[in-house]
Amino acid sequence: MPSLRGRVTLATVAASAGVSVATVSKVLNGRSDVSESTRARVQAILREHEYVGRRPEPVVERAAVELFYQGVLNSYSVEVIQGVVEAGQAADVDVVVSAHPHRAQGRSSSTPGRAAPWIRELTGNGRRAAIGITSELTAADVAALSRARLPLVVVDPMNVVQPDVTSVGSTNFAGGMAATQHLLSLGHRRIAYLGGPPTSGCNQARMNGYRGAMEAAGAPVPKDYVWMREFLYDDGLAGGAALLDLPDPPTAIFAGSDEVALGAMEAARARGLRVPEDLSVVGFDDTQVARLASPQLTTVRQPIREMGAVALRTALQLAAGEKVDSHHVELATQLIVRDSATEPARVNS
């Protein structure tokens, strides 16, 4: 029979072998549900026709890590995700992003069975480890992950239910102090802190850095000068309005995130105040919004993408049974001076 290479079809082979096209496909795919005699007959005709078909690539199971978050994605969370995904690509690991199924809402514990379905889903899908971004975890979550032998790494956790939970963050206290010292060096004394959730570890550290710098300079911190809710724009807008409507408003605001800082700047504009001439603002994060702001935002840079990359590498180390150098990693922060802070119009002692 002449060669039909390049023109023969599965239907041609099936007709020659007296079988169905589905059976020919099973032989090509190496399926076991074909009798040996039929398989031999089909393979012989395939060779006779010099059939060249697309053979399926062998399935190689890639390692996968779950990356979960809670609440609304903001500019900070997106950069952490980018860092984790880029590190996953470099390590040939899939990163699956998901929203955490429930918020702990400040509880330190919950019933042991509550977290089980979520954990069972992760292990059932073959995840090697789990990474949480600014997530509030319950003791039940952590215990269930431990029982499932699924390593957990958290980036800027909202709460720490167990001291041995591996975390990645930045030098938040030093960053808060640097931001406040910068405003003090410009001559400000009436400096307010506009921060995130009171229970958040990174927020507490930034606020304590602010208080430490103010105390060292002998600058008073009125009770109303500390306002905390979430790290989002709308919270900065509300908090900025509350601070600027005080009988003795601040001349400068240190915001716990860039988005909060932009909200405070908008609250100032709504009151006819200019930034930085009438109000100086310093943020925290150095996300893209800091460079898009008008004026560009002076802020504390934390290496957000590198934090995500470190979290991914640490999770893989734990999944491989390797020891990590530290269960709590803090990367250095840096003050980035731009255009949103200047000397106060008048200095009040």
C-alpha atoms as a PDB file:
ATOM      1  CA  MET A   1       0.000   0.000   0.000  1.00  0.00           C
ATOM      2  CA  PRO A   2       1.440   3.433  -0.825  1.00  0.00           C
ATOM      3  CA  SER A   3       2.393   5.732   2.000  1.00  0.00           C
ATOM      4  CA  LEU A   4      -0.365   8.078   3.085  1.00  0.00           C
ATOM      5  CA  ARG A   5       1.872   9.979   5.473  1.00  0.00           C
ATOM      6  CA  GLY A   6       0.553  13.426   6.173  1.00  0.00           C
ATOM      7  CA  ARG A   7      -2.920  12.641   4.762  1.00  0.00           C
ATOM      8  CA  VAL A   8      -4.153   9.674   6.714  1.00  0.00           C
ATOM      9  CA  THR A   9      -6.789  10.341   9.357  1.00  0.00           C
ATOM     10  CA  LEU A  10      -8.024   8.496  12.404  1.00  0.00           C
ATOM     11  CA  ALA A  11     -11.106   7.560  10.406  1.00  0.00           C
ATOM     12  CA  THR A  12      -8.881   5.961   7.737  1.00  0.00           C
ATOM     13  CA  VAL A  13      -7.055   3.885  10.347  1.00  0.00           C
ATOM     14  CA  ALA A  14     -10.307   2.939  12.085  1.00  0.00           C
ATOM     15  CA  ALA A  15     -11.861   1.766   8.796  1.00  0.00           C
ATOM     16  CA  SER A  16      -8.783  -0.314   7.937  1.00  0.00           C
ATOM     17  CA  ALA A  17      -8.715  -1.921  11.410  1.00  0.00           C
ATOM     18  CA  GLY A  18     -12.469  -2.439  11.614  1.00  0.00           C
ATOM     19  CA  VAL A  19     -12.778  -0.467  14.838  1.00  0.00           C
ATOM     20  CA  SER A  20     -14.180   2.866  15.904  1.00  0.00           C
ATOM     21  CA  VAL A  21     -12.324   6.162  15.796  1.00  0.00           C
ATOM     22  CA  ALA A  22     -12.604   6.252  19.615  1.00  0.00           C
ATOM     23  CA  THR A  23     -10.718   2.947  19.836  1.00  0.00           C
ATOM     24  CA  VAL A  24      -7.908   4.276  17.629  1.00  0.00           C
ATOM     25  CA  SER A  25      -7.715   7.337  19.865  1.00  0.00           C
ATOM     26  CA  LYS A  26      -7.465   5.124  22.951  1.00  0.00           C
ATOM     27  CA  VAL A  27      -4.549   3.232  21.411  1.00  0.00           C
ATOM     28  CA  LEU A  28      -2.762   6.473  20.535  1.00  0.00           C
ATOM     29  CA  ASN A  29      -3.249   7.733  24.086  1.00  0.00           C
ATOM     30  CA  GLY A  30      -2.025   4.524  25.668  1.00  0.00           C
ATOM     31  CA  ARG A  31      -5.341   3.705  27.346  1.00  0.00           C
ATOM     32  CA  SER A  32      -5.565   0.306  29.001  1.00  0.00           C
ATOM     33  CA  ASP A  33      -9.213  -0.408  28.139  1.00  0.00           C
ATOM     34  CA  VAL A  34      -8.365  -1.919  24.710  1.00  0.00           C
ATOM     35  CA  SER A  35      -7.766  -5.628  24.163  1.00  0.00           C
ATOM     36  CA  GLU A  36      -4.214  -6.669  23.259  1.00  0.00           C
ATOM     37  CA  SER A  37      -5.263  -8.102  19.904  1.00  0.00           C
ATOM     38  CA  THR A  38      -7.129  -4.955  18.894  1.00  0.00           C
ATOM     39  CA  ARG A  39      -4.246  -2.793  20.102  1.00  0.00           C
ATOM     40  CA  ALA A  40      -1.748  -4.810  18.055  1.00  0.00           C
ATOM     41  CA  ARG A  41      -3.925  -4.600  14.929  1.00  0.00           C
ATOM     42  CA  VAL A  42      -4.403  -0.825  15.217  1.00  0.00           C
ATOM     43  CA  GLN A  43      -0.690  -0.233  15.910  1.00  0.00           C
ATOM     44  CA  ALA A  44       0.252  -2.315  12.868  1.00  0.00           C
ATOM     45  CA  ILE A  45      -2.007  -0.255  10.603  1.00  0.00           C
ATOM     46  CA  LEU A  46      -0.677   2.965  12.124  1.00  0.00           C
ATOM     47  CA  ARG A  47       2.849   1.866  11.247  1.00  0.00           C
ATOM     48  CA  GLU A  48       1.757   0.740   7.797  1.00  0.00           C
ATOM     49  CA  HIS A  49       0.240   4.125   7.060  1.00  0.00           C
ATOM     50  CA  GLU A  50       3.205   5.893   8.697  1.00  0.00           C
ATOM     51  CA  TYR A  51       0.663   7.787  10.705  1.00  0.00           C
ATOM     52  CA  VAL A  52       2.032  10.914  12.362  1.00  0.00           C
ATOM     53  CA  GLY A  53      -0.375  12.313  14.898  1.00  0.00           C
ATOM     54  CA  ARG A  54      -0.143  14.598  17.861  1.00  0.00           C
ATOM     55  CA  ARG A  55       0.680  12.531  20.888  1.00  0.00           C
ATOM     56  CA  PRO A  56      -0.304  13.987  24.227  1.00  0.00           C
ATOM     57  CA  GLU A  57       2.477  15.438  26.317  1.00  0.00           C
ATOM     58  CA  PRO A  58       3.125  13.545  29.522  1.00  0.00           C
ATOM     59  CA  VAL A  59       1.310  15.149  32.425  1.00  0.00           C
ATOM     60  CA  VAL A  60       3.780  16.581  34.909  1.00  0.00           C
ATOM     61  CA  GLU A  61       2.194  17.605  38.173  1.00  0.00           C
ATOM     62  CA  ARG A  62       3.508  21.024  39.218  1.00  0.00           C
ATOM     63  CA  ALA A  63       3.778  22.063  42.802  1.00  0.00           C
ATOM     64  CA  ALA A  64       1.153  24.620  43.804  1.00  0.00           C
ATOM     65  CA  VAL A  65       0.936  27.111  46.656  1.00  0.00           C
ATOM     66  CA  GLU A  66      -2.285  28.756  47.834  1.00  0.00           C
ATOM     67  CA  LEU A  67      -2.141  32.539  48.248  1.00  0.00           C
ATOM     68  CA  PHE A  68      -5.162  33.877  50.134  1.00  0.00           C
ATOM     69  CA  TYR A  69      -6.280  37.316  51.230  1.00  0.00           C
ATOM     70  CA  GLN A  70      -9.208  38.866  53.071  1.00  0.00           C
ATOM     71  CA  GLY A  71     -11.361  41.857  52.356  1.00  0.00           C
ATOM     72  CA  VAL A  72     -10.769  44.320  49.523  1.00  0.00           C
ATOM     73  CA  LEU A  73      -7.650  44.088  47.379  1.00  0.00           C
ATOM     74  CA  ASN A  74      -5.702  47.336  47.538  1.00  0.00           C
ATOM     75  CA  SER A  75      -2.483  48.596  45.958  1.00  0.00           C
ATOM     76  CA  TYR A  76      -0.388  47.007  48.721  1.00  0.00           C
ATOM     77  CA  SER A  77      -1.993  43.567  48.367  1.00  0.00           C
ATOM     78  CA  VAL A  78      -1.611  43.616  44.582  1.00  0.00           C
ATOM     79  CA  GLU A  79       2.138  44.235  44.871  1.00  0.00           C
ATOM     80  CA  VAL A  80       2.537  41.407  47.400  1.00  0.00           C
ATOM     81  CA  ILE A  81       0.677  39.081  45.019  1.00  0.00           C
ATOM     82  CA  GLN A  82       2.946  40.190  42.183  1.00  0.00           C
ATOM     83  CA  GLY A  83       6.006  39.355  44.253  1.00  0.00           C
ATOM     84  CA  VAL A  84       4.683  35.896  45.160  1.00  0.00           C
ATOM     85  CA  VAL A  85       3.701  35.106  41.560  1.00  0.00           C
ATOM     86  CA  GLU A  86       7.066  36.222  40.152  1.00  0.00           C
ATOM     87  CA  ALA A  87       8.910  34.116  42.728  1.00  0.00           C
ATOM     88  CA  GLY A  88       6.632  31.185  41.877  1.00  0.00           C
ATOM     89  CA  GLN A  89       7.506  31.498  38.195  1.00  0.00           C
ATOM     90  CA  ALA A  90      11.209  31.493  39.057  1.00  0.00           C
ATOM     91  CA  ALA A  91      10.749  28.380  41.206  1.00  0.00           C
ATOM     92  CA  ASP A  92       8.484  26.635  38.633  1.00  0.00           C
ATOM     93  CA  VAL A  93       5.625  26.622  41.144  1.00  0.00           C
ATOM     94  CA  ASP A  94       1.991  27.502  40.465  1.00  0.00           C
ATOM     95  CA  VAL A  95       0.422  30.172  42.679  1.00  0.00           C
ATOM     96  CA  VAL A  96      -3.346  29.962  43.167  1.00  0.00           C
ATOM     97  CA  VAL A  97      -4.913  33.187  44.471  1.00  0.00           C
ATOM     98  CA  SER A  98      -8.122  33.011  46.482  1.00  0.00           C
ATOM     99  CA  ALA A  99     -10.203  34.974  48.969  1.00  0.00           C
ATOM    100  CA  HIS A 100     -10.231  33.601  52.484  1.00  0.00           C
ATOM    101  CA  PRO A 101     -13.668  32.070  53.114  1.00  0.00           C
ATOM    102  CA  HIS A 102     -14.381  33.901  56.355  1.00  0.00           C
ATOM    103  CA  ARG A 103     -13.071  36.725  58.487  1.00  0.00           C
ATOM    104  CA  ALA A 104     -12.171  36.109  62.099  1.00  0.00           C
ATOM    105  CA  GLN A 105     -13.546  39.532  63.116  1.00  0.00           C
ATOM    106  CA  GLY A 106     -11.248  39.856  66.078  1.00  0.00           C
ATOM    107  CA  ARG A 107     -11.869  36.414  67.581  1.00  0.00           C
ATOM    108  CA  SER A 108      -8.839  34.631  68.958  1.00  0.00           C
ATOM    109  CA  SER A 109     -10.382  31.212  68.497  1.00  0.00           C
ATOM    110  CA  SER A 110     -13.308  29.381  66.947  1.00  0.00           C
ATOM    111  CA  THR A 111     -14.740  25.898  66.942  1.00  0.00           C
ATOM    112  CA  PRO A 112     -12.186  23.346  65.698  1.00  0.00           C
ATOM    113  CA  GLY A 113     -14.433  22.184  62.854  1.00  0.00           C
ATOM    114  CA  ARG A 114     -15.006  25.627  61.378  1.00  0.00           C
ATOM    115  CA  ALA A 115     -11.702  25.816  59.500  1.00  0.00           C
ATOM    116  CA  ALA A 116     -11.708  22.142  58.428  1.00  0.00           C
ATOM    117  CA  PRO A 117     -13.569  22.453  55.070  1.00  0.00           C
ATOM    118  CA  TRP A 118     -11.214  25.178  53.879  1.00  0.00           C
ATOM    119  CA  ILE A 119      -8.145  23.166  54.903  1.00  0.00           C
ATOM    120  CA  ARG A 120      -9.526  19.958  53.396  1.00  0.00           C
ATOM    121  CA  GLU A 121     -10.037  21.770  50.105  1.00  0.00           C
ATOM    122  CA  LEU A 122      -6.414  22.939  50.055  1.00  0.00           C
ATOM    123  CA  THR A 123      -4.976  19.525  50.831  1.00  0.00           C
ATOM    124  CA  GLY A 124      -7.416  17.838  48.450  1.00  0.00           C
ATOM    125  CA  ASN A 125      -6.182  20.103  45.654  1.00  0.00           C
ATOM    126  CA  GLY A 126      -2.596  19.159  46.368  1.00  0.00           C
ATOM    127  CA  ARG A 127      -1.350  22.485  47.712  1.00  0.00           C
ATOM    128  CA  ARG A 128       2.203  22.383  49.051  1.00  0.00           C
ATOM    129  CA  ALA A 129       1.809  25.388  51.357  1.00  0.00           C
ATOM    130  CA  ALA A 130      -0.406  28.388  52.124  1.00  0.00           C
ATOM    131  CA  ILE A 131       0.496  32.091  52.170  1.00  0.00           C
ATOM    132  CA  GLY A 132      -1.809  34.696  53.712  1.00  0.00           C
ATOM    133  CA  ILE A 133      -1.748  38.450  53.012  1.00  0.00           C
ATOM    134  CA  THR A 134      -2.793  40.715  55.891  1.00  0.00           C
ATOM    135  CA  SER A 135      -5.176  37.970  56.959  1.00  0.00           C
ATOM    136  CA  GLU A 136      -6.830  37.553  60.327  1.00  0.00           C
ATOM    137  CA  LEU A 137      -6.517  33.872  61.216  1.00  0.00           C
ATOM    138  CA  THR A 138      -8.153  32.027  64.072  1.00  0.00           C
ATOM    139  CA  ALA A 139      -6.471  29.488  66.299  1.00  0.00           C
ATOM    140  CA  ALA A 140      -8.638  26.882  64.549  1.00  0.00           C
ATOM    141  CA  ASP A 141      -7.203  27.880  61.152  1.00  0.00           C
ATOM    142  CA  VAL A 142      -3.630  27.531  62.357  1.00  0.00           C
ATOM    143  CA  ALA A 143      -4.298  24.262  64.195  1.00  0.00           C
ATOM    144  CA  ALA A 144      -6.048  22.718  61.188  1.00  0.00           C
ATOM    145  CA  LEU A 145      -3.197  23.684  58.853  1.00  0.00           C
ATOM    146  CA  SER A 146      -0.715  22.171  61.284  1.00  0.00           C
ATOM    147  CA  ARG A 147      -2.678  18.921  61.509  1.00  0.00           C
ATOM    148  CA  ALA A 148      -2.800  18.768  57.718  1.00  0.00           C
ATOM    149  CA  ARG A 149       0.992  19.321  57.626  1.00  0.00           C
ATOM    150  CA  LEU A 150       0.417  22.295  55.350  1.00  0.00           C
ATOM    151  CA  PRO A 151       3.049  24.995  56.015  1.00  0.00           C
ATOM    152  CA  LEU A 152       1.708  28.507  56.602  1.00  0.00           C
ATOM    153  CA  VAL A 153       3.474  31.822  55.990  1.00  0.00           C
ATOM    154  CA  VAL A 154       1.709  35.130  56.619  1.00  0.00           C
ATOM    155  CA  VAL A 155       2.641  38.537  55.221  1.00  0.00           C
ATOM    156  CA  ASP A 156       1.839  41.398  57.623  1.00  0.00           C
ATOM    157  CA  PRO A 157      -0.643  39.354  59.683  1.00  0.00           C
ATOM    158  CA  MET A 158      -3.602  41.192  61.175  1.00  0.00           C
ATOM    159  CA  ASN A 159      -3.266  39.155  64.339  1.00  0.00           C
ATOM    160  CA  VAL A 160      -0.796  36.603  65.714  1.00  0.00           C
ATOM    161  CA  VAL A 161      -2.656  33.749  67.361  1.00  0.00           C
ATOM    162  CA  GLN A 162       0.508  31.683  67.867  1.00  0.00           C
ATOM    163  CA  PRO A 163       4.050  33.048  68.219  1.00  0.00           C
ATOM    164  CA  ASP A 164       5.545  30.255  66.101  1.00  0.00           C
ATOM    165  CA  VAL A 165       3.527  31.138  62.972  1.00  0.00           C
ATOM    166  CA  THR A 166       6.031  32.085  60.268  1.00  0.00           C
ATOM    167  CA  SER A 167       5.625  35.685  59.122  1.00  0.00           C
ATOM    168  CA  VAL A 168       7.214  38.164  56.725  1.00  0.00           C
ATOM    169  CA  GLY A 169       7.004  41.915  57.175  1.00  0.00           C
ATOM    170  CA  SER A 170       9.102  45.048  57.299  1.00  0.00           C
ATOM    171  CA  THR A 171      10.689  47.244  59.960  1.00  0.00           C
ATOM    172  CA  ASN A 172       7.396  48.981  60.704  1.00  0.00           C
ATOM    173  CA  PHE A 173       8.496  50.591  63.965  1.00  0.00           C
ATOM    174  CA  ALA A 174      11.617  52.072  62.376  1.00  0.00           C
ATOM    175  CA  GLY A 175       9.577  53.231  59.388  1.00  0.00           C
ATOM    176  CA  GLY A 176       7.002  54.936  61.600  1.00  0.00           C
ATOM    177  CA  MET A 177       9.751  56.664  63.533  1.00  0.00           C
ATOM    178  CA  ALA A 178      11.524  57.799  60.334  1.00  0.00           C
ATOM    179  CA  ALA A 179       8.318  59.279  58.894  1.00  0.00           C
ATOM    180  CA  THR A 180       7.560  61.199  62.084  1.00  0.00           C
ATOM    181  CA  GLN A 181      11.149  62.374  62.533  1.00  0.00           C
ATOM    182  CA  HIS A 182      11.058  63.749  58.990  1.00  0.00           C
ATOM    183  CA  LEU A 183       7.981  65.829  59.793  1.00  0.00           C
ATOM    184  CA  LEU A 184       9.540  66.970  63.072  1.00  0.00           C
ATOM    185  CA  SER A 185      12.716  67.988  61.236  1.00  0.00           C
ATOM    186  CA  LEU A 186      10.598  70.216  58.981  1.00  0.00           C
ATOM    187  CA  GLY A 187       9.352  72.047  62.054  1.00  0.00           C
ATOM    188  CA  HIS A 188       5.997  70.366  62.645  1.00  0.00           C
ATOM    189  CA  ARG A 189       4.821  69.757  66.192  1.00  0.00           C
ATOM    190  CA  ARG A 190       1.138  69.118  65.653  1.00  0.00           C
ATOM    191  CA  ILE A 191       1.475  65.762  63.924  1.00  0.00           C
ATOM    192  CA  ALA A 192      -1.371  63.211  63.821  1.00  0.00           C
ATOM    193  CA  TYR A 193      -1.301  59.491  63.071  1.00  0.00           C
ATOM    194  CA  LEU A 194      -3.955  58.130  60.700  1.00  0.00           C
ATOM    195  CA  GLY A 195      -3.631  54.352  60.747  1.00  0.00           C
ATOM    196  CA  GLY A 196      -5.154  50.966  60.048  1.00  0.00           C
ATOM    197  CA  PRO A 197      -6.884  48.336  62.198  1.00  0.00           C
ATOM    198  CA  PRO A 198      -5.993  48.686  65.903  1.00  0.00           C
ATOM    199  CA  THR A 199      -5.371  44.921  66.179  1.00  0.00           C
ATOM    200  CA  SER A 200      -2.973  44.833  63.226  1.00  0.00           C
ATOM    201  CA  GLY A 201       0.606  44.148  64.266  1.00  0.00           C
ATOM    202  CA  CYS A 202       2.112  46.311  61.522  1.00  0.00           C
ATOM    203  CA  ASN A 203      -0.250  49.177  62.399  1.00  0.00           C
ATOM    204  CA  GLN A 204       0.680  48.977  66.073  1.00  0.00           C
ATOM    205  CA  ALA A 205       4.374  49.044  65.188  1.00  0.00           C
ATOM    206  CA  ARG A 206       3.981  52.094  62.924  1.00  0.00           C
ATOM    207  CA  MET A 207       1.950  53.909  65.569  1.00  0.00           C
ATOM    208  CA  ASN A 208       4.516  53.073  68.258  1.00  0.00           C
ATOM    209  CA  GLY A 209       7.279  54.399  66.003  1.00  0.00           C
ATOM    210  CA  TYR A 210       5.268  57.607  65.629  1.00  0.00           C
ATOM    211  CA  ARG A 211       4.745  57.883  69.385  1.00  0.00           C
ATOM    212  CA  GLY A 212       8.404  57.135  70.074  1.00  0.00           C
ATOM    213  CA  ALA A 213       9.578  59.925  67.783  1.00  0.00           C
ATOM    214  CA  MET A 214       7.049  62.383  69.219  1.00  0.00           C
ATOM    215  CA  GLU A 215       8.025  61.549  72.790  1.00  0.00           C
ATOM    216  CA  ALA A 216      11.737  61.839  72.021  1.00  0.00           C
ATOM    217  CA  ALA A 217      11.114  65.311  70.554  1.00  0.00           C
ATOM    218  CA  GLY A 218       8.955  66.382  73.477  1.00  0.00           C
ATOM    219  CA  ALA A 219       5.982  66.891  71.160  1.00  0.00           C
ATOM    220  CA  PRO A 220       2.559  66.220  72.694  1.00  0.00           C
ATOM    221  CA  VAL A 221       0.156  63.638  71.210  1.00  0.00           C
ATOM    222  CA  PRO A 222      -3.426  64.667  71.997  1.00  0.00           C
ATOM    223  CA  LYS A 223      -5.863  61.789  72.233  1.00  0.00           C
ATOM    224  CA  ASP A 224      -7.734  62.926  69.128  1.00  0.00           C
ATOM    225  CA  TYR A 225      -4.515  62.925  67.067  1.00  0.00           C
ATOM    226  CA  VAL A 226      -4.536  59.132  66.718  1.00  0.00           C
ATOM    227  CA  TRP A 227      -7.299  57.835  64.414  1.00  0.00           C
ATOM    228  CA  MET A 228      -7.413  54.204  63.221  1.00  0.00           C
ATOM    229  CA  ARG A 229      -9.754  52.116  61.100  1.00  0.00           C
ATOM    230  CA  GLU A 230      -8.551  50.326  57.922  1.00  0.00           C
ATOM    231  CA  PHE A 231      -5.703  50.869  55.434  1.00  0.00           C
ATOM    232  CA  LEU A 232      -8.055  52.032  52.647  1.00  0.00           C
ATOM    233  CA  TYR A 233      -8.669  55.319  50.824  1.00  0.00           C
ATOM    234  CA  ASP A 234     -12.159  55.838  52.241  1.00  0.00           C
ATOM    235  CA  ASP A 235     -10.799  55.450  55.764  1.00  0.00           C
ATOM    236  CA  GLY A 236      -8.154  58.063  55.032  1.00  0.00           C
ATOM    237  CA  LEU A 237     -10.877  60.357  53.731  1.00  0.00           C
ATOM    238  CA  ALA A 238     -13.007  59.892  56.858  1.00  0.00           C
ATOM    239  CA  GLY A 239     -10.085  60.052  59.248  1.00  0.00           C
ATOM    240  CA  GLY A 240      -8.572  63.059  57.529  1.00  0.00           C
ATOM    241  CA  ALA A 241     -11.904  64.871  57.799  1.00  0.00           C
ATOM    242  CA  ALA A 242     -12.143  64.055  61.516  1.00  0.00           C
ATOM    243  CA  LEU A 243      -8.607  65.310  62.191  1.00  0.00           C
ATOM    244  CA  LEU A 244      -8.908  68.465  60.107  1.00  0.00           C
ATOM    245  CA  ASP A 245     -12.239  69.381  61.724  1.00  0.00           C
ATOM    246  CA  LEU A 246     -10.696  69.416  65.209  1.00  0.00           C
ATOM    247  CA  PRO A 247     -10.606  72.791  66.983  1.00  0.00           C
ATOM    248  CA  ASP A 248      -6.805  72.570  66.897  1.00  0.00           C
ATOM    249  CA  PRO A 249      -6.106  70.489  63.750  1.00  0.00           C
ATOM    250  CA  PRO A 250      -2.711  69.008  62.927  1.00  0.00           C
ATOM    251  CA  THR A 251      -0.329  70.680  60.504  1.00  0.00           C
ATOM    252  CA  ALA A 252       0.948  67.274  59.404  1.00  0.00           C
ATOM    253  CA  ILE A 253      -0.412  63.738  59.130  1.00  0.00           C
ATOM    254  CA  PHE A 254       1.565  60.504  59.107  1.00  0.00           C
ATOM    255  CA  ALA A 255      -0.655  57.947  57.370  1.00  0.00           C
ATOM    256  CA  GLY A 256      -0.258  54.208  57.898  1.00  0.00           C
ATOM    257  CA  SER A 257      -0.568  53.466  54.172  1.00  0.00           C
ATOM    258  CA  ASP A 258      -0.349  55.293  50.862  1.00  0.00           C
ATOM    259  CA  GLU A 259      -4.072  54.877  50.211  1.00  0.00           C
ATOM    260  CA  VAL A 260      -4.913  56.352  53.609  1.00  0.00           C
ATOM    261  CA  ALA A 261      -2.564  59.244  52.824  1.00  0.00           C
ATOM    262  CA  LEU A 262      -4.359  59.964  49.544  1.00  0.00           C
ATOM    263  CA  GLY A 263      -7.692  59.950  51.372  1.00  0.00           C
ATOM    264  CA  ALA A 264      -6.339  62.480  53.866  1.00  0.00           C
ATOM    265  CA  MET A 265      -5.057  64.673  51.008  1.00  0.00           C
ATOM    266  CA  GLU A 266      -8.517  64.674  49.444  1.00  0.00           C
ATOM    267  CA  ALA A 267     -10.093  65.582  52.791  1.00  0.00           C
ATOM    268  CA  ALA A 268      -7.708  68.558  52.933  1.00  0.00           C
ATOM    269  CA  ARG A 269      -8.606  69.681  49.404  1.00  0.00           C
ATOM    270  CA  ALA A 270     -12.321  69.450  50.227  1.00  0.00           C
ATOM    271  CA  ARG A 271     -11.657  71.977  53.020  1.00  0.00           C
ATOM    272  CA  GLY A 272      -9.732  74.345  50.806  1.00  0.00           C
ATOM    273  CA  LEU A 273      -6.355  73.306  52.219  1.00  0.00           C
ATOM    274  CA  ARG A 274      -3.308  72.889  50.015  1.00  0.00           C
ATOM    275  CA  VAL A 275      -0.844  69.983  50.276  1.00  0.00           C
ATOM    276  CA  PRO A 276       1.876  70.579  51.360  1.00  0.00           C
ATOM    277  CA  GLU A 277       1.524  74.362  51.956  1.00  0.00           C
ATOM    278  CA  ASP A 278      -1.293  74.018  54.512  1.00  0.00           C
ATOM    279  CA  LEU A 279      -0.991  70.327  55.410  1.00  0.00           C
ATOM    280  CA  SER A 280       1.978  67.995  55.109  1.00  0.00           C
ATOM    281  CA  VAL A 281       1.268  64.304  54.522  1.00  0.00           C
ATOM    282  CA  VAL A 282       3.599  61.300  54.703  1.00  0.00           C
ATOM    283  CA  GLY A 283       2.445  57.805  53.739  1.00  0.00           C
ATOM    284  CA  PHE A 284       3.688  54.247  54.162  1.00  0.00           C
ATOM    285  CA  ASP A 285       4.295  51.507  51.526  1.00  0.00           C
ATOM    286  CA  ASP A 286       5.534  53.353  48.411  1.00  0.00           C
ATOM    287  CA  THR A 287       3.057  51.659  46.100  1.00  0.00           C
ATOM    288  CA  GLN A 288       2.351  52.964  42.620  1.00  0.00           C
ATOM    289  CA  VAL A 289      -0.312  55.341  43.931  1.00  0.00           C
ATOM    290  CA  ALA A 290       2.402  57.298  45.789  1.00  0.00           C
ATOM    291  CA  ARG A 291       4.000  58.238  42.483  1.00  0.00           C
ATOM    292  CA  LEU A 292       0.656  58.934  40.796  1.00  0.00           C
ATOM    293  CA  ALA A 293      -0.499  61.295  43.540  1.00  0.00           C
ATOM    294  CA  SER A 294      -0.490  65.066  43.047  1.00  0.00           C
ATOM    295  CA  PRO A 295       1.727  66.184  44.645  1.00  0.00           C
ATOM    296  CA  GLN A 296       3.776  63.008  44.621  1.00  0.00           C
ATOM    297  CA  LEU A 297       3.691  61.409  48.034  1.00  0.00           C
ATOM    298  CA  THR A 298       6.563  61.404  50.505  1.00  0.00           C
ATOM    299  CA  THR A 299       6.338  57.948  52.008  1.00  0.00           C
ATOM    300  CA  VAL A 300       8.105  55.083  53.748  1.00  0.00           C
ATOM    301  CA  ARG A 301       9.078  52.424  51.265  1.00  0.00           C
ATOM    302  CA  GLN A 302       8.765  48.828  52.268  1.00  0.00           C
ATOM    303  CA  PRO A 303      10.017  46.233  49.765  1.00  0.00           C
ATOM    304  CA  ILE A 304       6.563  44.806  49.145  1.00  0.00           C
ATOM    305  CA  ARG A 305       7.333  42.567  46.181  1.00  0.00           C
ATOM    306  CA  GLU A 306      10.417  41.202  47.902  1.00  0.00           C
ATOM    307  CA  MET A 307       8.269  40.453  50.950  1.00  0.00           C
ATOM    308  CA  GLY A 308       6.036  38.352  48.710  1.00  0.00           C
ATOM    309  CA  ALA A 309       9.039  36.607  47.172  1.00  0.00           C
ATOM    310  CA  VAL A 310      10.519  35.824  50.594  1.00  0.00           C
ATOM    311  CA  ALA A 311       7.151  34.428  51.705  1.00  0.00           C
ATOM    312  CA  LEU A 312       7.038  32.096  48.686  1.00  0.00           C
ATOM    313  CA  ARG A 313      10.607  30.877  49.143  1.00  0.00           C
ATOM    314  CA  THR A 314      10.059  30.358  52.869  1.00  0.00           C
ATOM    315  CA  ALA A 315       6.848  28.411  52.249  1.00  0.00           C
ATOM    316  CA  LEU A 316       8.669  26.100  49.835  1.00  0.00           C
ATOM    317  CA  GLN A 317      11.485  25.571  52.335  1.00  0.00           C
ATOM    318  CA  LEU A 318       8.987  24.566  55.010  1.00  0.00           C
ATOM    319  CA  ALA A 319       7.144  22.295  52.553  1.00  0.00           C
ATOM    320  CA  ALA A 320      10.441  20.538  51.791  1.00  0.00           C
ATOM    321  CA  GLY A 321      11.035  19.961  55.491  1.00  0.00           C
ATOM    322  CA  GLU A 322      13.938  22.397  55.610  1.00  0.00           C
ATOM    323  CA  LYS A 323      14.700  24.660  58.532  1.00  0.00           C
ATOM    324  CA  VAL A 324      14.358  28.399  58.053  1.00  0.00           C
ATOM    325  CA  ASP A 325      16.760  30.915  59.555  1.00  0.00           C
ATOM    326  CA  SER A 326      13.974  32.818  61.296  1.00  0.00           C
ATOM    327  CA  HIS A 327      10.223  32.401  61.732  1.00  0.00           C
ATOM    328  CA  HIS A 328       9.795  36.178  61.704  1.00  0.00           C
ATOM    329  CA  VAL A 329      11.504  38.034  58.856  1.00  0.00           C
ATOM    330  CA  GLU A 330      11.568  41.840  58.714  1.00  0.00           C
ATOM    331  CA  LEU A 331      12.900  43.616  55.625  1.00  0.00           C
ATOM    332  CA  ALA A 332      14.297  47.138  55.887  1.00  0.00           C
ATOM    333  CA  THR A 333      12.187  50.233  55.208  1.00  0.00           C
ATOM    334  CA  GLN A 334      13.393  53.524  53.702  1.00  0.00           C
ATOM    335  CA  LEU A 335      12.024  57.063  53.747  1.00  0.00           C
ATOM    336  CA  ILE A 336      11.368  58.361  50.218  1.00  0.00           C
ATOM    337  CA  VAL A 337      11.140  62.144  50.159  1.00  0.00           C
ATOM    338  CA  ARG A 338       8.948  63.622  47.416  1.00  0.00           C
ATOM    339  CA  ASP A 339       6.627  66.642  47.384  1.00  0.00           C
ATOM    340  CA  SER A 340       3.811  66.177  49.915  1.00  0.00           C
ATOM    341  CA  ALA A 341       5.587  67.492  53.023  1.00  0.00           C
ATOM    342  CA  THR A 342       7.243  70.820  53.745  1.00  0.00           C
ATOM    343  CA  GLU A 343       7.751  73.305  56.563  1.00  0.00           C
ATOM    344  CA  PRO A 344       4.546  74.413  58.313  1.00  0.00           C
ATOM    345  CA  ALA A 345       3.158  77.788  57.386  1.00  0.00           C
ATOM    346  CA  ARG A 346       3.562  78.777  61.010  1.00  0.00           C
ATOM    347  CA  VAL A 347       5.222  76.840  63.797  1.00  0.00           C
ATOM    348  CA  ASN A 348       3.218  76.432  66.981  1.00  0.00           C
ATOM    349  CA  SER A 349       5.011  75.259  70.082  1.00  0.00           C
END
